[in-house]
mmCIF file of all heavy atoms, coordinates in Angstrom:
data_MODEL
# 
_entry.id   MODEL 
# 
loop_
_atom_site.group_PDB 
_atom_site.id 
_atom_site.type_symbol 
_atom_site.label_atom_id 
_atom_site.label_alt_id 
_atom_site.label_comp_id 
_atom_site.label_asym_id 
_atom_site.label_entity_id 
_atom_site.label_seq_id 
_atom_site.pdbx_PDB_ins_code 
_atom_site.Cartn_x 
_atom_site.Cartn_y 
_atom_site.Cartn_z 
_atom_site.occupancy 
_atom_site.B_iso_or_equiv 
_atom_site.pdbx_formal_charge 
_atom_site.auth_seq_id 
_atom_site.auth_comp_id 
_atom_site.auth_asym_id 
_atom_site.auth_atom_id 
_atom_site.pdbx_PDB_model_num 
ATOM 1   N N   . ASN A 1 1  ? -11.673 186.258 129.755 1.00 0.00 ? 1  ASN A N   1 
ATOM 2   C CA  . ASN A 1 1  ? -12.829 187.149 129.723 1.00 0.00 ? 1  ASN A CA  1 
ATOM 3   C C   . ASN A 1 1  ? -13.113 187.649 128.316 1.00 0.00 ? 1  ASN A C   1 
ATOM 4   O O   . ASN A 1 1  ? -12.224 187.741 127.472 1.00 0.00 ? 1  ASN A O   1 
ATOM 5   C CB  . ASN A 1 1  ? -12.612 188.334 130.655 1.00 0.00 ? 1  ASN A CB  1 
ATOM 6   C CG  . ASN A 1 1  ? -12.731 187.952 132.109 1.00 0.00 ? 1  ASN A CG  1 
ATOM 7   O OD1 . ASN A 1 1  ? -13.299 186.914 132.440 1.00 0.00 ? 1  ASN A OD1 1 
ATOM 8   N ND2 . ASN A 1 1  ? -12.198 188.769 132.985 1.00 0.00 ? 1  ASN A ND2 1 
ATOM 9   N N   . LYS A 1 2  ? -14.378 187.999 128.097 1.00 0.00 ? 2  LYS A N   1 
ATOM 10  C CA  . LYS A 1 2  ? -14.845 188.595 126.854 1.00 0.00 ? 2  LYS A CA  1 
ATOM 11  C C   . LYS A 1 2  ? -15.638 189.833 127.257 1.00 0.00 ? 2  LYS A C   1 
ATOM 12  O O   . LYS A 1 2  ? -16.491 189.762 128.134 1.00 0.00 ? 2  LYS A O   1 
ATOM 13  C CB  . LYS A 1 2  ? -15.735 187.599 126.105 1.00 0.00 ? 2  LYS A CB  1 
ATOM 14  C CG  . LYS A 1 2  ? -16.266 188.102 124.785 1.00 0.00 ? 2  LYS A CG  1 
ATOM 15  C CD  . LYS A 1 2  ? -17.149 187.068 124.110 1.00 0.00 ? 2  LYS A CD  1 
ATOM 16  C CE  . LYS A 1 2  ? -16.374 186.079 123.328 1.00 0.00 ? 2  LYS A CE  1 
ATOM 17  N NZ  . LYS A 1 2  ? -15.869 186.512 122.056 1.00 0.00 ? 2  LYS A NZ  1 
ATOM 18  N N   . ALA A 1 3  ? -15.322 190.987 126.645 1.00 0.00 ? 3  ALA A N   1 
ATOM 19  C CA  . ALA A 1 3  ? -16.016 192.244 126.954 1.00 0.00 ? 3  ALA A CA  1 
ATOM 20  C C   . ALA A 1 3  ? -16.784 192.709 125.731 1.00 0.00 ? 3  ALA A C   1 
ATOM 21  O O   . ALA A 1 3  ? -16.307 192.598 124.601 1.00 0.00 ? 3  ALA A O   1 
ATOM 22  C CB  . ALA A 1 3  ? -15.004 193.316 127.362 1.00 0.00 ? 3  ALA A CB  1 
ATOM 23  N N   . GLY A 1 4  ? -17.984 193.226 125.963 1.00 0.00 ? 4  GLY A N   1 
ATOM 24  C CA  . GLY A 1 4  ? -18.793 193.794 124.886 1.00 0.00 ? 4  GLY A CA  1 
ATOM 25  C C   . GLY A 1 4  ? -18.991 195.268 125.143 1.00 0.00 ? 4  GLY A C   1 
ATOM 26  O O   . GLY A 1 4  ? -19.295 195.679 126.268 1.00 0.00 ? 4  GLY A O   1 
ATOM 27  N N   . LEU A 1 5  ? -18.789 196.103 124.117 1.00 0.00 ? 5  LEU A N   1 
ATOM 28  C CA  . LEU A 1 5  ? -18.951 197.532 124.304 1.00 0.00 ? 5  LEU A CA  1 
ATOM 29  C C   . LEU A 1 5  ? -19.349 198.227 123.013 1.00 0.00 ? 5  LEU A C   1 
ATOM 30  O O   . LEU A 1 5  ? -19.263 197.666 121.926 1.00 0.00 ? 5  LEU A O   1 
ATOM 31  C CB  . LEU A 1 5  ? -17.686 198.161 124.882 1.00 0.00 ? 5  LEU A CB  1 
ATOM 32  C CG  . LEU A 1 5  ? -16.379 197.947 124.150 1.00 0.00 ? 5  LEU A CG  1 
ATOM 33  C CD1 . LEU A 1 5  ? -15.470 199.130 124.388 1.00 0.00 ? 5  LEU A CD1 1 
ATOM 34  C CD2 . LEU A 1 5  ? -15.702 196.700 124.687 1.00 0.00 ? 5  LEU A CD2 1 
ATOM 35  N N   . LYS A 1 6  ? -19.808 199.451 123.194 1.00 0.00 ? 6  LYS A N   1 
ATOM 36  C CA  . LYS A 1 6  ? -20.227 200.290 122.077 1.00 0.00 ? 6  LYS A CA  1 
ATOM 37  C C   . LYS A 1 6  ? -19.581 201.655 122.249 1.00 0.00 ? 6  LYS A C   1 
ATOM 38  O O   . LYS A 1 6  ? -19.583 202.217 123.345 1.00 0.00 ? 6  LYS A O   1 
ATOM 39  C CB  . LYS A 1 6  ? -21.747 200.435 122.082 1.00 0.00 ? 6  LYS A CB  1 
ATOM 40  C CG  . LYS A 1 6  ? -22.297 201.293 120.971 1.00 0.00 ? 6  LYS A CG  1 
ATOM 41  C CD  . LYS A 1 6  ? -23.824 201.329 121.038 1.00 0.00 ? 6  LYS A CD  1 
ATOM 42  C CE  . LYS A 1 6  ? -24.416 202.109 119.895 1.00 0.00 ? 6  LYS A CE  1 
ATOM 43  N NZ  . LYS A 1 6  ? -25.887 202.061 119.931 1.00 0.00 ? 6  LYS A NZ  1 
ATOM 44  N N   . LEU A 1 7  ? -19.031 202.189 121.152 1.00 0.00 ? 7  LEU A N   1 
ATOM 45  C CA  . LEU A 1 7  ? -18.420 203.521 121.141 1.00 0.00 ? 7  LEU A CA  1 
ATOM 46  C C   . LEU A 1 7  ? -19.072 204.332 120.028 1.00 0.00 ? 7  LEU A C   1 
ATOM 47  O O   . LEU A 1 7  ? -19.312 203.805 118.939 1.00 0.00 ? 7  LEU A O   1 
ATOM 48  C CB  . LEU A 1 7  ? -16.921 203.414 120.867 1.00 0.00 ? 7  LEU A CB  1 
ATOM 49  C CG  . LEU A 1 7  ? -16.120 202.630 121.883 1.00 0.00 ? 7  LEU A CG  1 
ATOM 50  C CD1 . LEU A 1 7  ? -15.124 201.718 121.196 1.00 0.00 ? 7  LEU A CD1 1 
ATOM 51  C CD2 . LEU A 1 7  ? -15.410 203.582 122.794 1.00 0.00 ? 7  LEU A CD2 1 
ATOM 52  N N   . THR A 1 8  ? -19.354 205.600 120.297 1.00 0.00 ? 8  THR A N   1 
ATOM 53  C CA  . THR A 1 8  ? -19.928 206.471 119.268 1.00 0.00 ? 8  THR A CA  1 
ATOM 54  C C   . THR A 1 8  ? -19.244 207.833 119.299 1.00 0.00 ? 8  THR A C   1 
ATOM 55  O O   . THR A 1 8  ? -18.802 208.306 120.346 1.00 0.00 ? 8  THR A O   1 
ATOM 56  C CB  . THR A 1 8  ? -21.446 206.691 119.462 1.00 0.00 ? 8  THR A CB  1 
ATOM 57  O OG1 . THR A 1 8  ? -21.675 207.265 120.745 1.00 0.00 ? 8  THR A OG1 1 
ATOM 58  C CG2 . THR A 1 8  ? -22.230 205.398 119.328 1.00 0.00 ? 8  THR A CG2 1 
ATOM 59  N N   . SER A 1 9  ? -19.173 208.442 118.120 1.00 0.00 ? 9  SER A N   1 
ATOM 60  C CA  . SER A 1 9  ? -18.642 209.793 118.001 1.00 0.00 ? 9  SER A CA  1 
ATOM 61  C C   . SER A 1 9  ? -19.175 210.403 116.717 1.00 0.00 ? 9  SER A C   1 
ATOM 62  O O   . SER A 1 9  ? -19.744 209.707 115.875 1.00 0.00 ? 9  SER A O   1 
ATOM 63  C CB  . SER A 1 9  ? -17.113 209.792 117.982 1.00 0.00 ? 9  SER A CB  1 
ATOM 64  O OG  . SER A 1 9  ? -16.627 211.119 118.107 1.00 0.00 ? 9  SER A OG  1 
ATOM 65  N N   . THR A 1 10 ? -18.982 211.691 116.583 1.00 0.00 ? 10 THR A N   1 
ATOM 66  C CA  . THR A 1 10 ? -19.362 212.409 115.362 1.00 0.00 ? 10 THR A CA  1 
ATOM 67  C C   . THR A 1 10 ? -18.137 213.138 114.848 1.00 0.00 ? 10 THR A C   1 
ATOM 68  O O   . THR A 1 10 ? -17.447 213.805 115.614 1.00 0.00 ? 10 THR A O   1 
ATOM 69  C CB  . THR A 1 10 ? -20.503 213.410 115.646 1.00 0.00 ? 10 THR A CB  1 
ATOM 70  O OG1 . THR A 1 10 ? -21.627 212.681 116.150 1.00 0.00 ? 10 THR A OG1 1 
ATOM 71  C CG2 . THR A 1 10 ? -20.899 214.152 114.389 1.00 0.00 ? 10 THR A CG2 1 
ATOM 72  N N   . ILE A 1 11 ? -17.875 212.976 113.557 1.00 0.00 ? 11 ILE A N   1 
ATOM 73  C CA  . ILE A 1 11 ? -16.768 213.712 112.954 1.00 0.00 ? 11 ILE A CA  1 
ATOM 74  C C   . ILE A 1 11 ? -17.319 214.726 111.962 1.00 0.00 ? 11 ILE A C   1 
ATOM 75  O O   . ILE A 1 11 ? -18.395 214.540 111.395 1.00 0.00 ? 11 ILE A O   1 
ATOM 76  C CB  . ILE A 1 11 ? -15.747 212.782 112.259 1.00 0.00 ? 11 ILE A CB  1 
ATOM 77  C CG1 . ILE A 1 11 ? -16.371 212.069 111.064 1.00 0.00 ? 11 ILE A CG1 1 
ATOM 78  C CG2 . ILE A 1 11 ? -15.141 211.797 113.220 1.00 0.00 ? 11 ILE A CG2 1 
ATOM 79  C CD1 . ILE A 1 11 ? -15.355 211.500 110.114 1.00 0.00 ? 11 ILE A CD1 1 
ATOM 80  N N   . LYS A 1 12 ? -16.594 215.787 111.787 1.00 0.00 ? 12 LYS A N   1 
ATOM 81  C CA  . LYS A 1 12 ? -16.899 216.802 110.772 1.00 0.00 ? 12 LYS A CA  1 
ATOM 82  C C   . LYS A 1 12 ? -16.143 216.383 109.512 1.00 0.00 ? 12 LYS A C   1 
ATOM 83  O O   . LYS A 1 12 ? -14.923 216.526 109.440 1.00 0.00 ? 12 LYS A O   1 
ATOM 84  C CB  . LYS A 1 12 ? -16.444 218.190 111.234 1.00 0.00 ? 12 LYS A CB  1 
ATOM 85  C CG  . LYS A 1 12 ? -17.019 218.628 112.554 1.00 0.00 ? 12 LYS A CG  1 
ATOM 86  C CD  . LYS A 1 12 ? -18.430 219.056 112.388 1.00 0.00 ? 12 LYS A CD  1 
ATOM 87  C CE  . LYS A 1 12 ? -18.970 219.633 113.694 1.00 0.00 ? 12 LYS A CE  1 
ATOM 88  N NZ  . LYS A 1 12 ? -20.415 219.764 113.658 1.00 0.00 ? 12 LYS A NZ  1 
ATOM 89  N N   . ARG A 1 13 ? -16.848 215.852 108.530 1.00 0.00 ? 13 ARG A N   1 
ATOM 90  C CA  . ARG A 1 13 ? -16.189 215.239 107.373 1.00 0.00 ? 13 ARG A CA  1 
ATOM 91  C C   . ARG A 1 13 ? -15.304 216.208 106.601 1.00 0.00 ? 13 ARG A C   1 
ATOM 92  O O   . ARG A 1 13 ? -14.253 215.825 106.098 1.00 0.00 ? 13 ARG A O   1 
ATOM 93  C CB  . ARG A 1 13 ? -17.201 214.575 106.450 1.00 0.00 ? 13 ARG A CB  1 
ATOM 94  C CG  . ARG A 1 13 ? -18.118 215.525 105.745 1.00 0.00 ? 13 ARG A CG  1 
ATOM 95  C CD  . ARG A 1 13 ? -18.979 214.846 104.688 1.00 0.00 ? 13 ARG A CD  1 
ATOM 96  N NE  . ARG A 1 13 ? -19.902 215.814 104.148 1.00 0.00 ? 13 ARG A NE  1 
ATOM 97  C CZ  . ARG A 1 13 ? -19.588 216.702 103.211 1.00 0.00 ? 13 ARG A CZ  1 
ATOM 98  N NH1 . ARG A 1 13 ? -18.386 216.733 102.711 1.00 0.00 ? 13 ARG A NH1 1 
ATOM 99  N NH2 . ARG A 1 13 ? -20.481 217.573 102.790 1.00 0.00 ? 13 ARG A NH2 1 
ATOM 100 N N   . GLU A 1 14 ? -15.688 217.479 106.510 1.00 0.00 ? 14 GLU A N   1 
ATOM 101 C CA  . GLU A 1 14 ? -14.899 218.434 105.733 1.00 0.00 ? 14 GLU A CA  1 
ATOM 102 C C   . GLU A 1 14 ? -13.547 218.741 106.399 1.00 0.00 ? 14 GLU A C   1 
ATOM 103 O O   . GLU A 1 14 ? -12.609 219.127 105.720 1.00 0.00 ? 14 GLU A O   1 
ATOM 104 C CB  . GLU A 1 14 ? -15.696 219.702 105.466 1.00 0.00 ? 14 GLU A CB  1 
ATOM 105 C CG  . GLU A 1 14 ? -16.840 219.458 104.478 1.00 0.00 ? 14 GLU A CG  1 
ATOM 106 C CD  . GLU A 1 14 ? -17.584 220.724 104.103 1.00 0.00 ? 14 GLU A CD  1 
ATOM 107 O OE1 . GLU A 1 14 ? -17.756 221.609 104.965 1.00 0.00 ? 14 GLU A OE1 1 
ATOM 108 O OE2 . GLU A 1 14 ? -17.979 220.813 102.935 1.00 0.00 ? 14 GLU A OE2 1 
ATOM 109 N N   . GLU A 1 15 ? -13.444 218.537 107.716 1.00 0.00 ? 15 GLU A N   1 
ATOM 110 C CA  . GLU A 1 15 ? -12.162 218.723 108.397 1.00 0.00 ? 15 GLU A CA  1 
ATOM 111 C C   . GLU A 1 15 ? -11.129 217.700 107.940 1.00 0.00 ? 15 GLU A C   1 
ATOM 112 O O   . GLU A 1 15 ? -9.932  217.880 108.123 1.00 0.00 ? 15 GLU A O   1 
ATOM 113 C CB  . GLU A 1 15 ? -12.341 218.626 109.920 1.00 0.00 ? 15 GLU A CB  1 
ATOM 114 C CG  . GLU A 1 15 ? -13.100 219.792 110.513 1.00 0.00 ? 15 GLU A CG  1 
ATOM 115 C CD  . GLU A 1 15 ? -13.244 219.684 112.021 1.00 0.00 ? 15 GLU A CD  1 
ATOM 116 O OE1 . GLU A 1 15 ? -12.767 218.691 112.630 1.00 0.00 ? 15 GLU A OE1 1 
ATOM 117 O OE2 . GLU A 1 15 ? -13.843 220.601 112.611 1.00 0.00 ? 15 GLU A OE2 1 
ATOM 118 N N   . PHE A 1 16 ? -11.601 216.602 107.338 1.00 0.00 ? 16 PHE A N   1 
ATOM 119 C CA  . PHE A 1 16 ? -10.724 215.546 106.844 1.00 0.00 ? 16 PHE A CA  1 
ATOM 120 C C   . PHE A 1 16 ? -10.703 215.497 105.309 1.00 0.00 ? 16 PHE A C   1 
ATOM 121 O O   . PHE A 1 16 ? -10.292 214.508 104.725 1.00 0.00 ? 16 PHE A O   1 
ATOM 122 C CB  . PHE A 1 16 ? -11.171 214.192 107.405 1.00 0.00 ? 16 PHE A CB  1 
ATOM 123 C CG  . PHE A 1 16 ? -11.077 214.112 108.904 1.00 0.00 ? 16 PHE A CG  1 
ATOM 124 C CD1 . PHE A 1 16 ? -12.174 214.398 109.707 1.00 0.00 ? 16 PHE A CD1 1 
ATOM 125 C CD2 . PHE A 1 16 ? -9.884  213.776 109.518 1.00 0.00 ? 16 PHE A CD2 1 
ATOM 126 C CE1 . PHE A 1 16 ? -12.092 214.331 111.085 1.00 0.00 ? 16 PHE A CE1 1 
ATOM 127 C CE2 . PHE A 1 16 ? -9.781  213.708 110.899 1.00 0.00 ? 16 PHE A CE2 1 
ATOM 128 C CZ  . PHE A 1 16 ? -10.887 213.994 111.683 1.00 0.00 ? 16 PHE A CZ  1 
ATOM 129 N N   . ASN A 1 17 ? -11.167 216.585 104.687 1.00 0.00 ? 17 ASN A N   1 
ATOM 130 C CA  . ASN A 1 17 ? -11.240 216.676 103.215 1.00 0.00 ? 17 ASN A CA  1 
ATOM 131 C C   . ASN A 1 17 ? -12.034 215.523 102.608 1.00 0.00 ? 17 ASN A C   1 
ATOM 132 O O   . ASN A 1 17 ? -11.683 214.999 101.557 1.00 0.00 ? 17 ASN A O   1 
ATOM 133 C CB  . ASN A 1 17 ? -9.841  216.753 102.586 1.00 0.00 ? 17 ASN A CB  1 
ATOM 134 C CG  . ASN A 1 17 ? -9.173  218.069 102.884 1.00 0.00 ? 17 ASN A CG  1 
ATOM 135 O OD1 . ASN A 1 17 ? -9.828  219.099 103.037 1.00 0.00 ? 17 ASN A OD1 1 
ATOM 136 N ND2 . ASN A 1 17 ? -7.859  218.049 102.987 1.00 0.00 ? 17 ASN A ND2 1 
ATOM 137 N N   . LEU A 1 18 ? -13.114 215.142 103.261 1.00 0.00 ? 18 LEU A N   1 
ATOM 138 C CA  . LEU A 1 18 ? -13.997 214.098 102.762 1.00 0.00 ? 18 LEU A CA  1 
ATOM 139 C C   . LEU A 1 18 ? -15.185 214.768 102.071 1.00 0.00 ? 18 LEU A C   1 
ATOM 140 O O   . LEU A 1 18 ? -16.080 215.292 102.725 1.00 0.00 ? 18 LEU A O   1 
ATOM 141 C CB  . LEU A 1 18 ? -14.495 213.206 103.902 1.00 0.00 ? 18 LEU A CB  1 
ATOM 142 C CG  . LEU A 1 18 ? -13.420 212.466 104.701 1.00 0.00 ? 18 LEU A CG  1 
ATOM 143 C CD1 . LEU A 1 18 ? -14.030 211.760 105.892 1.00 0.00 ? 18 LEU A CD1 1 
ATOM 144 C CD2 . LEU A 1 18 ? -12.670 211.494 103.813 1.00 0.00 ? 18 LEU A CD2 1 
ATOM 145 N N   . GLY A 1 19 ? -15.161 214.776 100.743 1.00 0.00 ? 19 GLY A N   1 
ATOM 146 C CA  . GLY A 1 19 ? -16.265 215.382 99.998  1.00 0.00 ? 19 GLY A CA  1 
ATOM 147 C C   . GLY A 1 19 ? -16.404 216.861 100.259 1.00 0.00 ? 19 GLY A C   1 
ATOM 148 O O   . GLY A 1 19 ? -17.506 217.383 100.321 1.00 0.00 ? 19 GLY A O   1 
ATOM 149 N N   . LYS A 1 20 ? -15.292 217.548 100.388 1.00 0.00 ? 20 LYS A N   1 
ATOM 150 C CA  . LYS A 1 20 ? -15.311 218.980 100.696 1.00 0.00 ? 20 LYS A CA  1 
ATOM 151 C C   . LYS A 1 20 ? -16.114 219.741 99.647  1.00 0.00 ? 20 LYS A C   1 
ATOM 152 O O   . LYS A 1 20 ? -15.919 219.572 98.452  1.00 0.00 ? 20 LYS A O   1 
ATOM 153 C CB  . LYS A 1 20 ? -13.887 219.511 100.775 1.00 0.00 ? 20 LYS A CB  1 
ATOM 154 C CG  . LYS A 1 20 ? -13.808 220.806 101.542 1.00 0.00 ? 20 LYS A CG  1 
ATOM 155 C CD  . LYS A 1 20 ? -12.421 221.031 102.085 1.00 0.00 ? 20 LYS A CD  1 
ATOM 156 C CE  . LYS A 1 20 ? -12.481 222.254 102.948 1.00 0.00 ? 20 LYS A CE  1 
ATOM 157 N NZ  . LYS A 1 20 ? -11.656 222.199 104.081 1.00 0.00 ? 20 LYS A NZ  1 
ATOM 158 N N   . GLY A 1 21 ? -17.063 220.551 100.117 1.00 0.00 ? 21 GLY A N   1 
ATOM 159 C CA  . GLY A 1 21 ? -17.875 221.381 99.236  1.00 0.00 ? 21 GLY A CA  1 
ATOM 160 C C   . GLY A 1 21 ? -19.048 220.654 98.592  1.00 0.00 ? 21 GLY A C   1 
ATOM 161 O O   . GLY A 1 21 ? -19.754 221.234 97.780  1.00 0.00 ? 21 GLY A O   1 
ATOM 162 N N   . MET A 1 22 ? -19.269 219.405 98.938  1.00 0.00 ? 22 MET A N   1 
ATOM 163 C CA  . MET A 1 22 ? -20.399 218.657 98.373  1.00 0.00 ? 22 MET A CA  1 
ATOM 164 C C   . MET A 1 22 ? -21.607 218.865 99.275  1.00 0.00 ? 22 MET A C   1 
ATOM 165 O O   . MET A 1 22 ? -21.817 218.157 100.244 1.00 0.00 ? 22 MET A O   1 
ATOM 166 C CB  . MET A 1 22 ? -20.035 217.184 98.226  1.00 0.00 ? 22 MET A CB  1 
ATOM 167 C CG  . MET A 1 22 ? -18.943 216.954 97.214  1.00 0.00 ? 22 MET A CG  1 
ATOM 168 S SD  . MET A 1 22 ? -18.662 215.204 96.966  1.00 0.00 ? 22 MET A SD  1 
ATOM 169 C CE  . MET A 1 22 ? -17.293 215.270 95.812  1.00 0.00 ? 22 MET A CE  1 
ATOM 170 N N   . SER A 1 23 ? -22.423 219.840 98.937  1.00 0.00 ? 23 SER A N   1 
ATOM 171 C CA  . SER A 1 23 ? -23.511 220.282 99.808  1.00 0.00 ? 23 SER A CA  1 
ATOM 172 C C   . SER A 1 23 ? -24.641 219.281 100.025 1.00 0.00 ? 23 SER A C   1 
ATOM 173 O O   . SER A 1 23 ? -25.296 219.358 101.056 1.00 0.00 ? 23 SER A O   1 
ATOM 174 C CB  . SER A 1 23 ? -24.083 221.606 99.302  1.00 0.00 ? 23 SER A CB  1 
ATOM 175 O OG  . SER A 1 23 ? -24.576 221.458 97.996  1.00 0.00 ? 23 SER A OG  1 
ATOM 176 N N   . PRO A 1 24 ? -24.924 218.336 99.126  1.00 0.00 ? 24 PRO A N   1 
ATOM 177 C CA  . PRO A 1 24 ? -26.014 217.404 99.444  1.00 0.00 ? 24 PRO A CA  1 
ATOM 178 C C   . PRO A 1 24 ? -25.702 216.482 100.622 1.00 0.00 ? 24 PRO A C   1 
ATOM 179 O O   . PRO A 1 24 ? -26.593 215.908 101.223 1.00 0.00 ? 24 PRO A O   1 
ATOM 180 C CB  . PRO A 1 24 ? -26.177 216.568 98.167  1.00 0.00 ? 24 PRO A CB  1 
ATOM 181 C CG  . PRO A 1 24 ? -25.497 217.319 97.094  1.00 0.00 ? 24 PRO A CG  1 
ATOM 182 C CD  . PRO A 1 24 ? -24.442 218.143 97.756  1.00 0.00 ? 24 PRO A CD  1 
ATOM 183 N N   . ILE A 1 25 ? -24.415 216.369 100.945 1.00 0.00 ? 25 ILE A N   1 
ATOM 184 C CA  . ILE A 1 25 ? -23.990 215.460 102.009 1.00 0.00 ? 25 ILE A CA  1 
ATOM 185 C C   . ILE A 1 25 ? -23.885 216.240 103.318 1.00 0.00 ? 25 ILE A C   1 
ATOM 186 O O   . ILE A 1 25 ? -23.297 217.317 103.362 1.00 0.00 ? 25 ILE A O   1 
ATOM 187 C CB  . ILE A 1 25 ? -22.617 214.835 101.678 1.00 0.00 ? 25 ILE A CB  1 
ATOM 188 C CG1 . ILE A 1 25 ? -22.655 214.153 100.312 1.00 0.00 ? 25 ILE A CG1 1 
ATOM 189 C CG2 . ILE A 1 25 ? -22.209 213.843 102.753 1.00 0.00 ? 25 ILE A CG2 1 
ATOM 190 C CD1 . ILE A 1 25 ? -21.289 213.795 99.792  1.00 0.00 ? 25 ILE A CD1 1 
# 
């Protein structure tokens, strides 16, 4: 068998120290 699927989510980037304090993003 072959399965096709889609998963979506939203992360809060600053919770992961991704560009913390960079307000244009």
